[in-house]
Amino acid sequence: MSPVISYATYGQAADYVKSRLSGFSPEIGIVCGSGLGSLADTLEGNIIKIKYEEIPGFMQSTAQGHLGQLVFGLLSGKRVVCMQGRFHCYEGYTIQQVTFPIRVFHLLGVKSLLATNAAGGINPKYEVGDVVLIADHLSLPGISGNNALVGPNAVEFGPRFPSISDLYTPRLRRIAAKAYLTNAVLREERKLRMHEGIYAWCFGPCYETRAELRALQSLGADLVGMSTIPESIVAKHCGMEVLAMTLVTNKCVSRRERDTFEEMEAELAGQPLDPVVEAFPNHEEVLVAAAARTADIQILVKSIVNDM
């Protein structure tokens, strides 16, 4: 079992951050996913930036597209803290380390968490550039024992056995749906499409195999990514409301490969089959797709935060 992070360690981190905020107390925490860190650039008021490396107990973000700092300010008049860069288990961190900032947010006074991510679309109806509200999740690492709440329970944060049946707060999902449906510019001019779906968390860092994707689809997953679920569970454990949104940055390739024997038989018979050209996922396309929707995501998030 990974070393337990003590309540005092969370407290030290929170106390240091508070010492830099001059009385500013955030009410909403926003986790910026891959390529979506520019959300923090839209904050207004007295902007305060704190590098992760300066905060006791904080980890360092190593993923491309993650700057590694907390940004405090106002968004739609609400007091907000943005994580420009999250942590992932595939970086070598324990799940407790990955979720460390969320408990610090709680100690800073954050009541609601808005988590964004970039992920692959399993649902064939999804296209690159679509946004999906997460209504539920499928946590394969969690089912197999890597749950964010494993270890001695910190009663200061929440109960030993929390229910997460309503993890993704219906009230906040309704606010997000209204923000989209009442914005004609996003829907008609920018052609932004929104859905509600189920997000599957896989450990990473490699993308999933075709067989794994077919399995996830058979289990009801619409999306697959490498983050968000641990943070969401810990936020719920701390009593926060949670809203999570995914930007679809690639379409998953789950089709079975053509049978090798069929191909060889055709080749030996002098009738080779036409090659099948498929586009496999890569992180560069994730960042490109995120950049293409940056302005739209900012408009959407501002509208949502306004009503939170």
Protein backbone atom coordinates (compact mmCIF):
# COMPACT_ATOMS: atom_id res chain seq x y z
CA MET A 1 0.00 0.00 0.00
CA SER A 2 1.22 3.51 -0.81
CA PRO A 3 2.33 5.73 2.09
CA VAL A 4 -0.61 7.53 3.66
CA ILE A 5 -0.70 11.31 3.27
CA SER A 6 -1.48 12.79 6.67
CA TYR A 7 -4.16 15.39 7.32
CA ALA A 8 -1.38 17.65 8.62
CA THR A 9 0.35 17.52 5.21
CA TYR A 10 -2.80 18.74 3.47
CA GLY A 11 -3.09 21.43 6.11
CA GLN A 12 0.48 22.64 5.55
CA ALA A 13 -0.19 23.00 1.81
CA ALA A 14 -3.45 24.86 2.42
CA ASP A 15 -1.85 27.15 5.00
CA TYR A 16 0.94 28.07 2.59
CA VAL A 17 -1.51 28.84 -0.21
CA LYS A 18 -3.67 30.94 2.14
CA SER A 19 -0.58 32.92 3.12
CA ARG A 20 -0.25 33.98 -0.53
CA LEU A 21 -3.90 34.89 -1.10
CA SER A 22 -4.34 37.97 1.13
CA GLY A 23 -7.76 36.80 2.30
CA PHE A 24 -9.02 35.60 -1.10
CA SER A 25 -11.12 32.45 -0.61
CA PRO A 26 -12.05 30.47 -3.75
CA GLU A 27 -15.53 28.96 -3.97
CA ILE A 28 -15.11 27.06 -7.24
CA GLY A 29 -12.19 24.86 -8.27
CA ILE A 30 -11.51 24.22 -11.96
CA VAL A 31 -9.20 21.47 -13.17
CA CYS A 32 -7.93 22.22 -16.68
CA GLY A 33 -7.36 19.19 -18.88
CA SER A 34 -4.86 18.64 -21.70
CA GLY A 35 -4.66 21.72 -23.90
CA LEU A 36 -7.39 23.49 -21.91
CA GLY A 37 -5.15 25.40 -19.51
CA SER A 38 -5.96 28.69 -21.25
CA LEU A 39 -9.22 28.72 -19.28
CA ALA A 40 -7.16 30.17 -16.46
CA ASP A 41 -6.07 33.03 -18.71
CA THR A 42 -9.64 34.36 -18.72
CA LEU A 43 -9.72 35.05 -14.98
CA GLU A 44 -10.15 38.67 -13.91
CA GLY A 45 -9.48 40.81 -10.86
CA ASN A 46 -6.34 40.48 -8.77
CA ILE A 47 -4.73 37.43 -10.37
CA ILE A 48 -2.50 35.33 -8.11
CA LYS A 49 -0.35 32.52 -9.52
CA ILE A 50 1.41 29.91 -7.39
CA LYS A 51 3.73 27.33 -8.94
CA TYR A 52 3.16 23.76 -7.78
CA GLU A 53 6.83 23.48 -6.84
CA GLU A 54 6.34 26.22 -4.24
CA ILE A 55 3.53 24.44 -2.38
CA PRO A 56 4.49 21.95 0.36
CA GLY A 57 3.40 18.44 -0.58
CA PHE A 58 2.42 19.27 -4.17
CA MET A 59 3.59 17.12 -7.06
CA GLN A 60 4.92 18.37 -10.40
CA SER A 61 2.90 18.09 -13.62
CA THR A 62 4.94 16.43 -16.37
CA ALA A 63 2.32 15.96 -19.11
CA GLN A 64 2.59 18.10 -22.24
CA GLY A 65 0.03 20.90 -22.21
CA HIS A 66 0.01 21.16 -18.39
CA LEU A 67 1.77 24.30 -17.06
CA GLY A 68 1.87 23.33 -13.39
CA GLN A 69 0.44 26.21 -11.39
CA LEU A 70 -2.61 27.37 -9.46
CA VAL A 71 -4.26 30.54 -10.74
CA PHE A 72 -6.66 32.51 -8.52
CA GLY A 73 -9.08 35.19 -9.68
CA LEU A 74 -12.65 35.98 -10.68
CA LEU A 75 -14.66 34.25 -13.39
CA SER A 76 -18.16 35.55 -14.09
CA GLY A 77 -17.93 37.29 -10.73
CA LYS A 78 -17.22 34.06 -8.81
CA ARG A 79 -14.05 33.43 -6.81
CA VAL A 80 -12.17 30.69 -8.65
CA VAL A 81 -8.97 28.68 -8.47
CA CYS A 82 -7.75 26.97 -11.64
CA MET A 83 -5.32 24.08 -11.84
CA GLN A 84 -3.25 24.70 -14.94
CA GLY A 85 -2.11 21.12 -15.19
CA ARG A 86 -3.31 18.07 -13.32
CA PHE A 87 -1.51 14.98 -12.12
CA HIS A 88 -1.98 11.47 -13.54
CA CYS A 89 -1.23 8.03 -12.16
CA TYR A 90 0.67 7.21 -15.37
CA GLU A 91 3.23 9.86 -14.39
CA GLY A 92 4.22 7.54 -11.55
CA TYR A 93 2.17 9.19 -8.82
CA THR A 94 -0.01 7.31 -6.39
CA ILE A 95 -3.71 7.94 -6.60
CA GLN A 96 -3.48 9.83 -3.28
CA GLN A 97 -0.84 12.12 -4.78
CA VAL A 98 -2.94 12.65 -7.90
CA THR A 99 -5.89 13.82 -5.80
CA PHE A 100 -3.84 15.84 -3.29
CA PRO A 101 -4.87 19.24 -4.73
CA ILE A 102 -8.59 18.49 -4.40
CA ARG A 103 -8.37 18.07 -0.64
CA VAL A 104 -6.28 21.24 -0.45
CA PHE A 105 -9.07 22.98 -2.41
CA HIS A 106 -11.53 21.78 0.22
CA LEU A 107 -9.41 23.27 2.99
CA LEU A 108 -9.29 26.54 1.04
CA GLY A 109 -13.09 26.70 1.07
CA VAL A 110 -13.94 25.35 -2.40
CA LYS A 111 -17.55 24.09 -2.56
CA SER A 112 -17.81 23.03 -6.22
CA LEU A 113 -15.40 21.32 -8.61
CA LEU A 114 -15.52 21.75 -12.38
CA ALA A 115 -13.19 19.20 -13.99
CA THR A 116 -12.39 19.29 -17.69
CA ASN A 117 -10.51 16.76 -19.74
CA ALA A 118 -9.66 15.73 -23.27
CA ALA A 119 -10.61 12.16 -24.15
CA GLY A 120 -11.30 9.71 -26.92
CA GLY A 121 -14.79 9.17 -28.25
CA ILE A 122 -15.96 5.55 -28.14
CA ASN A 123 -19.57 6.39 -29.00
CA PRO A 124 -19.72 6.41 -32.83
CA LYS A 125 -22.09 9.39 -32.71
CA TYR A 126 -19.39 11.59 -31.19
CA GLU A 127 -17.15 13.71 -33.39
CA VAL A 128 -13.86 15.44 -32.65
CA GLY A 129 -14.68 18.82 -31.12
CA ASP A 130 -17.86 17.67 -29.35
CA VAL A 131 -18.26 18.36 -25.62
CA VAL A 132 -19.75 15.72 -23.32
CA LEU A 133 -21.17 16.16 -19.84
CA ILE A 134 -20.15 13.20 -17.72
CA ALA A 135 -23.26 11.67 -16.18
CA ASP A 136 -21.58 8.57 -14.76
CA HIS A 137 -18.29 6.74 -14.98
CA LEU A 138 -16.67 3.35 -15.35
CA SER A 139 -13.48 3.11 -13.29
CA LEU A 140 -11.56 -0.02 -14.23
CA PRO A 141 -8.62 0.81 -11.92
CA GLY A 142 -11.10 1.53 -9.12
CA ILE A 143 -12.95 -1.73 -9.61
CA SER A 144 -9.64 -3.60 -9.48
CA GLY A 145 -8.49 -1.94 -6.27
CA ASN A 146 -6.94 1.41 -7.16
CA ASN A 147 -9.66 3.60 -5.68
CA ALA A 148 -8.87 7.16 -4.62
CA LEU A 149 -10.19 6.47 -1.11
CA VAL A 150 -8.19 3.29 -0.40
CA GLY A 151 -6.31 3.44 2.90
CA PRO A 152 -7.20 4.79 6.34
CA ASN A 153 -10.16 7.13 6.04
CA ALA A 154 -9.53 10.78 6.80
CA VAL A 155 -12.70 11.54 8.75
CA GLU A 156 -11.85 15.25 8.58
CA PHE A 157 -12.71 15.06 4.88
CA GLY A 158 -15.59 12.61 4.70
CA PRO A 159 -17.13 9.23 5.63
CA ARG A 160 -15.53 5.82 5.27
CA PHE A 161 -18.16 4.54 2.82
CA PRO A 162 -19.48 7.42 0.68
CA SER A 163 -22.18 6.90 -1.91
CA ILE A 164 -21.23 8.10 -5.38
CA SER A 165 -24.45 7.21 -7.19
CA ASP A 166 -25.03 10.94 -7.69
CA LEU A 167 -21.36 11.86 -8.01
CA TYR A 168 -21.88 14.18 -10.99
CA THR A 169 -24.28 16.67 -9.48
CA PRO A 170 -27.59 16.76 -11.42
CA ARG A 171 -28.11 20.42 -10.51
CA LEU A 172 -24.83 21.40 -12.14
CA ARG A 173 -25.48 19.25 -15.20
CA ARG A 174 -28.78 21.07 -15.67
CA ILE A 175 -26.97 24.41 -15.45
CA ALA A 176 -24.46 23.24 -18.08
CA ALA A 177 -27.20 21.97 -20.40
CA LYS A 178 -29.07 25.27 -20.12
CA ALA A 179 -25.89 27.26 -20.81
CA TYR A 180 -25.44 25.34 -24.03
CA LEU A 181 -29.05 25.20 -25.20
CA THR A 182 -29.58 28.93 -24.70
CA ASN A 183 -26.42 29.96 -26.58
CA ALA A 184 -27.28 30.20 -30.27
CA VAL A 185 -23.77 31.35 -31.18
CA LEU A 186 -22.16 28.18 -29.84
CA ARG A 187 -24.78 25.90 -31.34
CA GLU A 188 -25.47 27.52 -34.70
CA GLU A 189 -22.42 29.60 -35.60
CA ARG A 190 -19.66 27.64 -33.88
CA LYS A 191 -21.39 24.29 -34.54
CA LEU A 192 -20.55 23.09 -31.05
CA ARG A 193 -22.34 19.85 -30.20
CA MET A 194 -22.93 18.69 -26.63
CA HIS A 195 -23.98 15.31 -25.30
CA GLU A 196 -24.23 13.53 -21.97
CA GLY A 197 -22.38 10.27 -21.56
CA ILE A 198 -20.41 7.77 -19.52
CA TYR A 199 -16.66 8.22 -19.11
CA ALA A 200 -14.31 5.25 -18.66
CA TRP A 201 -11.09 5.83 -16.76
CA CYS A 202 -8.08 3.78 -17.83
CA PHE A 203 -4.64 4.08 -16.28
CA GLY A 204 -2.57 5.03 -19.34
CA PRO A 205 -0.20 6.23 -20.65
CA CYS A 206 -0.67 4.06 -23.73
CA TYR A 207 -3.95 4.36 -25.58
CA GLU A 208 -6.29 1.40 -25.38
CA THR A 209 -6.21 -1.61 -27.68
CA ARG A 210 -9.02 -2.33 -30.11
CA ALA A 211 -10.22 -5.22 -27.95
CA GLU A 212 -10.19 -3.05 -24.82
CA LEU A 213 -12.22 -0.38 -26.57
CA ARG A 214 -14.80 -2.93 -27.74
CA ALA A 215 -15.02 -4.22 -24.18
CA LEU A 216 -15.53 -0.70 -22.81
CA GLN A 217 -18.21 -0.02 -25.41
CA SER A 218 -20.01 -3.25 -24.47
CA LEU A 219 -19.98 -2.04 -20.84
CA GLY A 220 -21.70 1.20 -21.83
CA ALA A 221 -18.78 3.63 -22.01
CA ASP A 222 -19.06 6.58 -24.41
CA LEU A 223 -15.63 8.07 -23.69
CA VAL A 224 -12.25 6.91 -22.47
CA GLY A 225 -9.52 8.93 -20.79
CA MET A 226 -6.75 8.87 -18.22
CA SER A 227 -7.93 11.31 -15.55
CA THR A 228 -10.84 13.04 -13.77
CA ILE A 229 -12.40 10.09 -11.94
CA PRO A 230 -10.01 10.09 -8.94
CA GLU A 231 -10.39 13.86 -8.46
CA SER A 232 -14.17 13.65 -8.78
CA ILE A 233 -14.45 10.89 -6.19
CA VAL A 234 -12.29 12.78 -3.69
CA ALA A 235 -14.27 15.98 -4.29
CA LYS A 236 -17.51 14.13 -3.59
CA HIS A 237 -15.95 12.60 -0.47
CA CYS A 238 -15.18 16.14 0.72
CA GLY A 239 -18.79 17.19 0.20
CA MET A 240 -18.25 19.19 -2.99
CA GLU A 241 -20.64 19.40 -5.90
CA VAL A 242 -19.00 18.04 -9.06
CA LEU A 243 -19.38 18.87 -12.73
CA ALA A 244 -17.11 17.12 -15.25
CA MET A 245 -16.89 17.81 -18.96
CA THR A 246 -14.97 16.12 -21.74
CA LEU A 247 -13.75 17.55 -25.03
CA VAL A 248 -13.63 14.76 -27.62
CA THR A 249 -10.20 15.10 -29.20
CA ASN A 250 -10.01 11.83 -31.16
CA LYS A 251 -12.27 9.04 -32.33
CA CYS A 252 -11.30 5.66 -30.94
CA VAL A 253 -10.37 2.88 -33.36
CA SER A 254 -12.14 -0.24 -32.12
CA ARG A 255 -12.76 -2.10 -35.39
CA ARG A 256 -11.26 -5.56 -35.56
CA GLU A 257 -8.20 -5.84 -37.73
CA ARG A 258 -8.64 -7.76 -40.97
CA ASP A 259 -7.81 -11.43 -40.55
CA THR A 260 -4.16 -12.06 -41.44
CA PHE A 261 -4.91 -15.43 -43.04
CA GLU A 262 -7.63 -13.88 -45.21
CA GLU A 263 -5.16 -11.24 -46.36
CA MET A 264 -2.43 -13.77 -47.11
CA GLU A 265 -4.74 -16.13 -48.97
CA ALA A 266 -5.87 -13.26 -51.19
CA GLU A 267 -2.28 -12.20 -51.78
CA LEU A 268 -1.19 -15.73 -52.69
CA ALA A 269 -4.13 -15.98 -55.10
CA GLY A 270 -2.93 -12.83 -56.85
CA GLN A 271 -5.89 -10.80 -55.62
CA PRO A 272 -4.50 -8.66 -52.78
CA LEU A 273 -7.08 -6.83 -50.72
CA ASP A 274 -7.13 -3.04 -50.64
CA PRO A 275 -5.22 -1.68 -47.63
CA VAL A 276 -7.23 -0.34 -44.70
CA VAL A 277 -6.07 3.11 -43.67
CA GLU A 278 -6.84 4.06 -40.06
CA ALA A 279 -5.87 7.05 -37.93
CA PHE A 280 -4.55 6.03 -34.52
CA PRO A 281 -4.59 8.49 -31.58
CA ASN A 282 -1.61 10.62 -30.61
CA HIS A 283 -1.15 13.42 -28.08
CA GLU A 284 -0.36 16.03 -30.72
CA GLU A 285 -3.85 15.71 -32.22
CA VAL A 286 -5.29 16.02 -28.72
CA LEU A 287 -3.61 19.39 -28.27
CA VAL A 288 -4.62 20.55 -31.76
CA ALA A 289 -8.27 19.59 -31.21
CA ALA A 290 -8.28 21.31 -27.81
CA ALA A 291 -6.80 24.49 -29.30
CA ALA A 292 -9.51 24.56 -31.97
CA ARG A 293 -12.23 24.63 -29.31
CA THR A 294 -10.48 26.84 -26.73
CA ALA A 295 -12.61 29.95 -27.30
CA ASP A 296 -15.85 27.95 -27.29
CA ILE A 297 -14.95 26.13 -24.07
CA GLN A 298 -14.15 29.45 -22.42
CA ILE A 299 -17.55 30.90 -23.39
CA LEU A 300 -19.34 27.78 -22.17
CA VAL A 301 -17.49 27.60 -18.85
CA LYS A 302 -18.03 31.30 -18.11
CA SER A 303 -21.76 30.86 -18.65
CA ILE A 304 -21.87 27.76 -16.44
CA VAL A 305 -19.86 29.36 -13.64
CA ASN A 306 -22.13 32.40 -13.73
CA ASP A 307 -25.06 30.22 -12.62
CA MET A 308 -23.21 27.90 -10.23
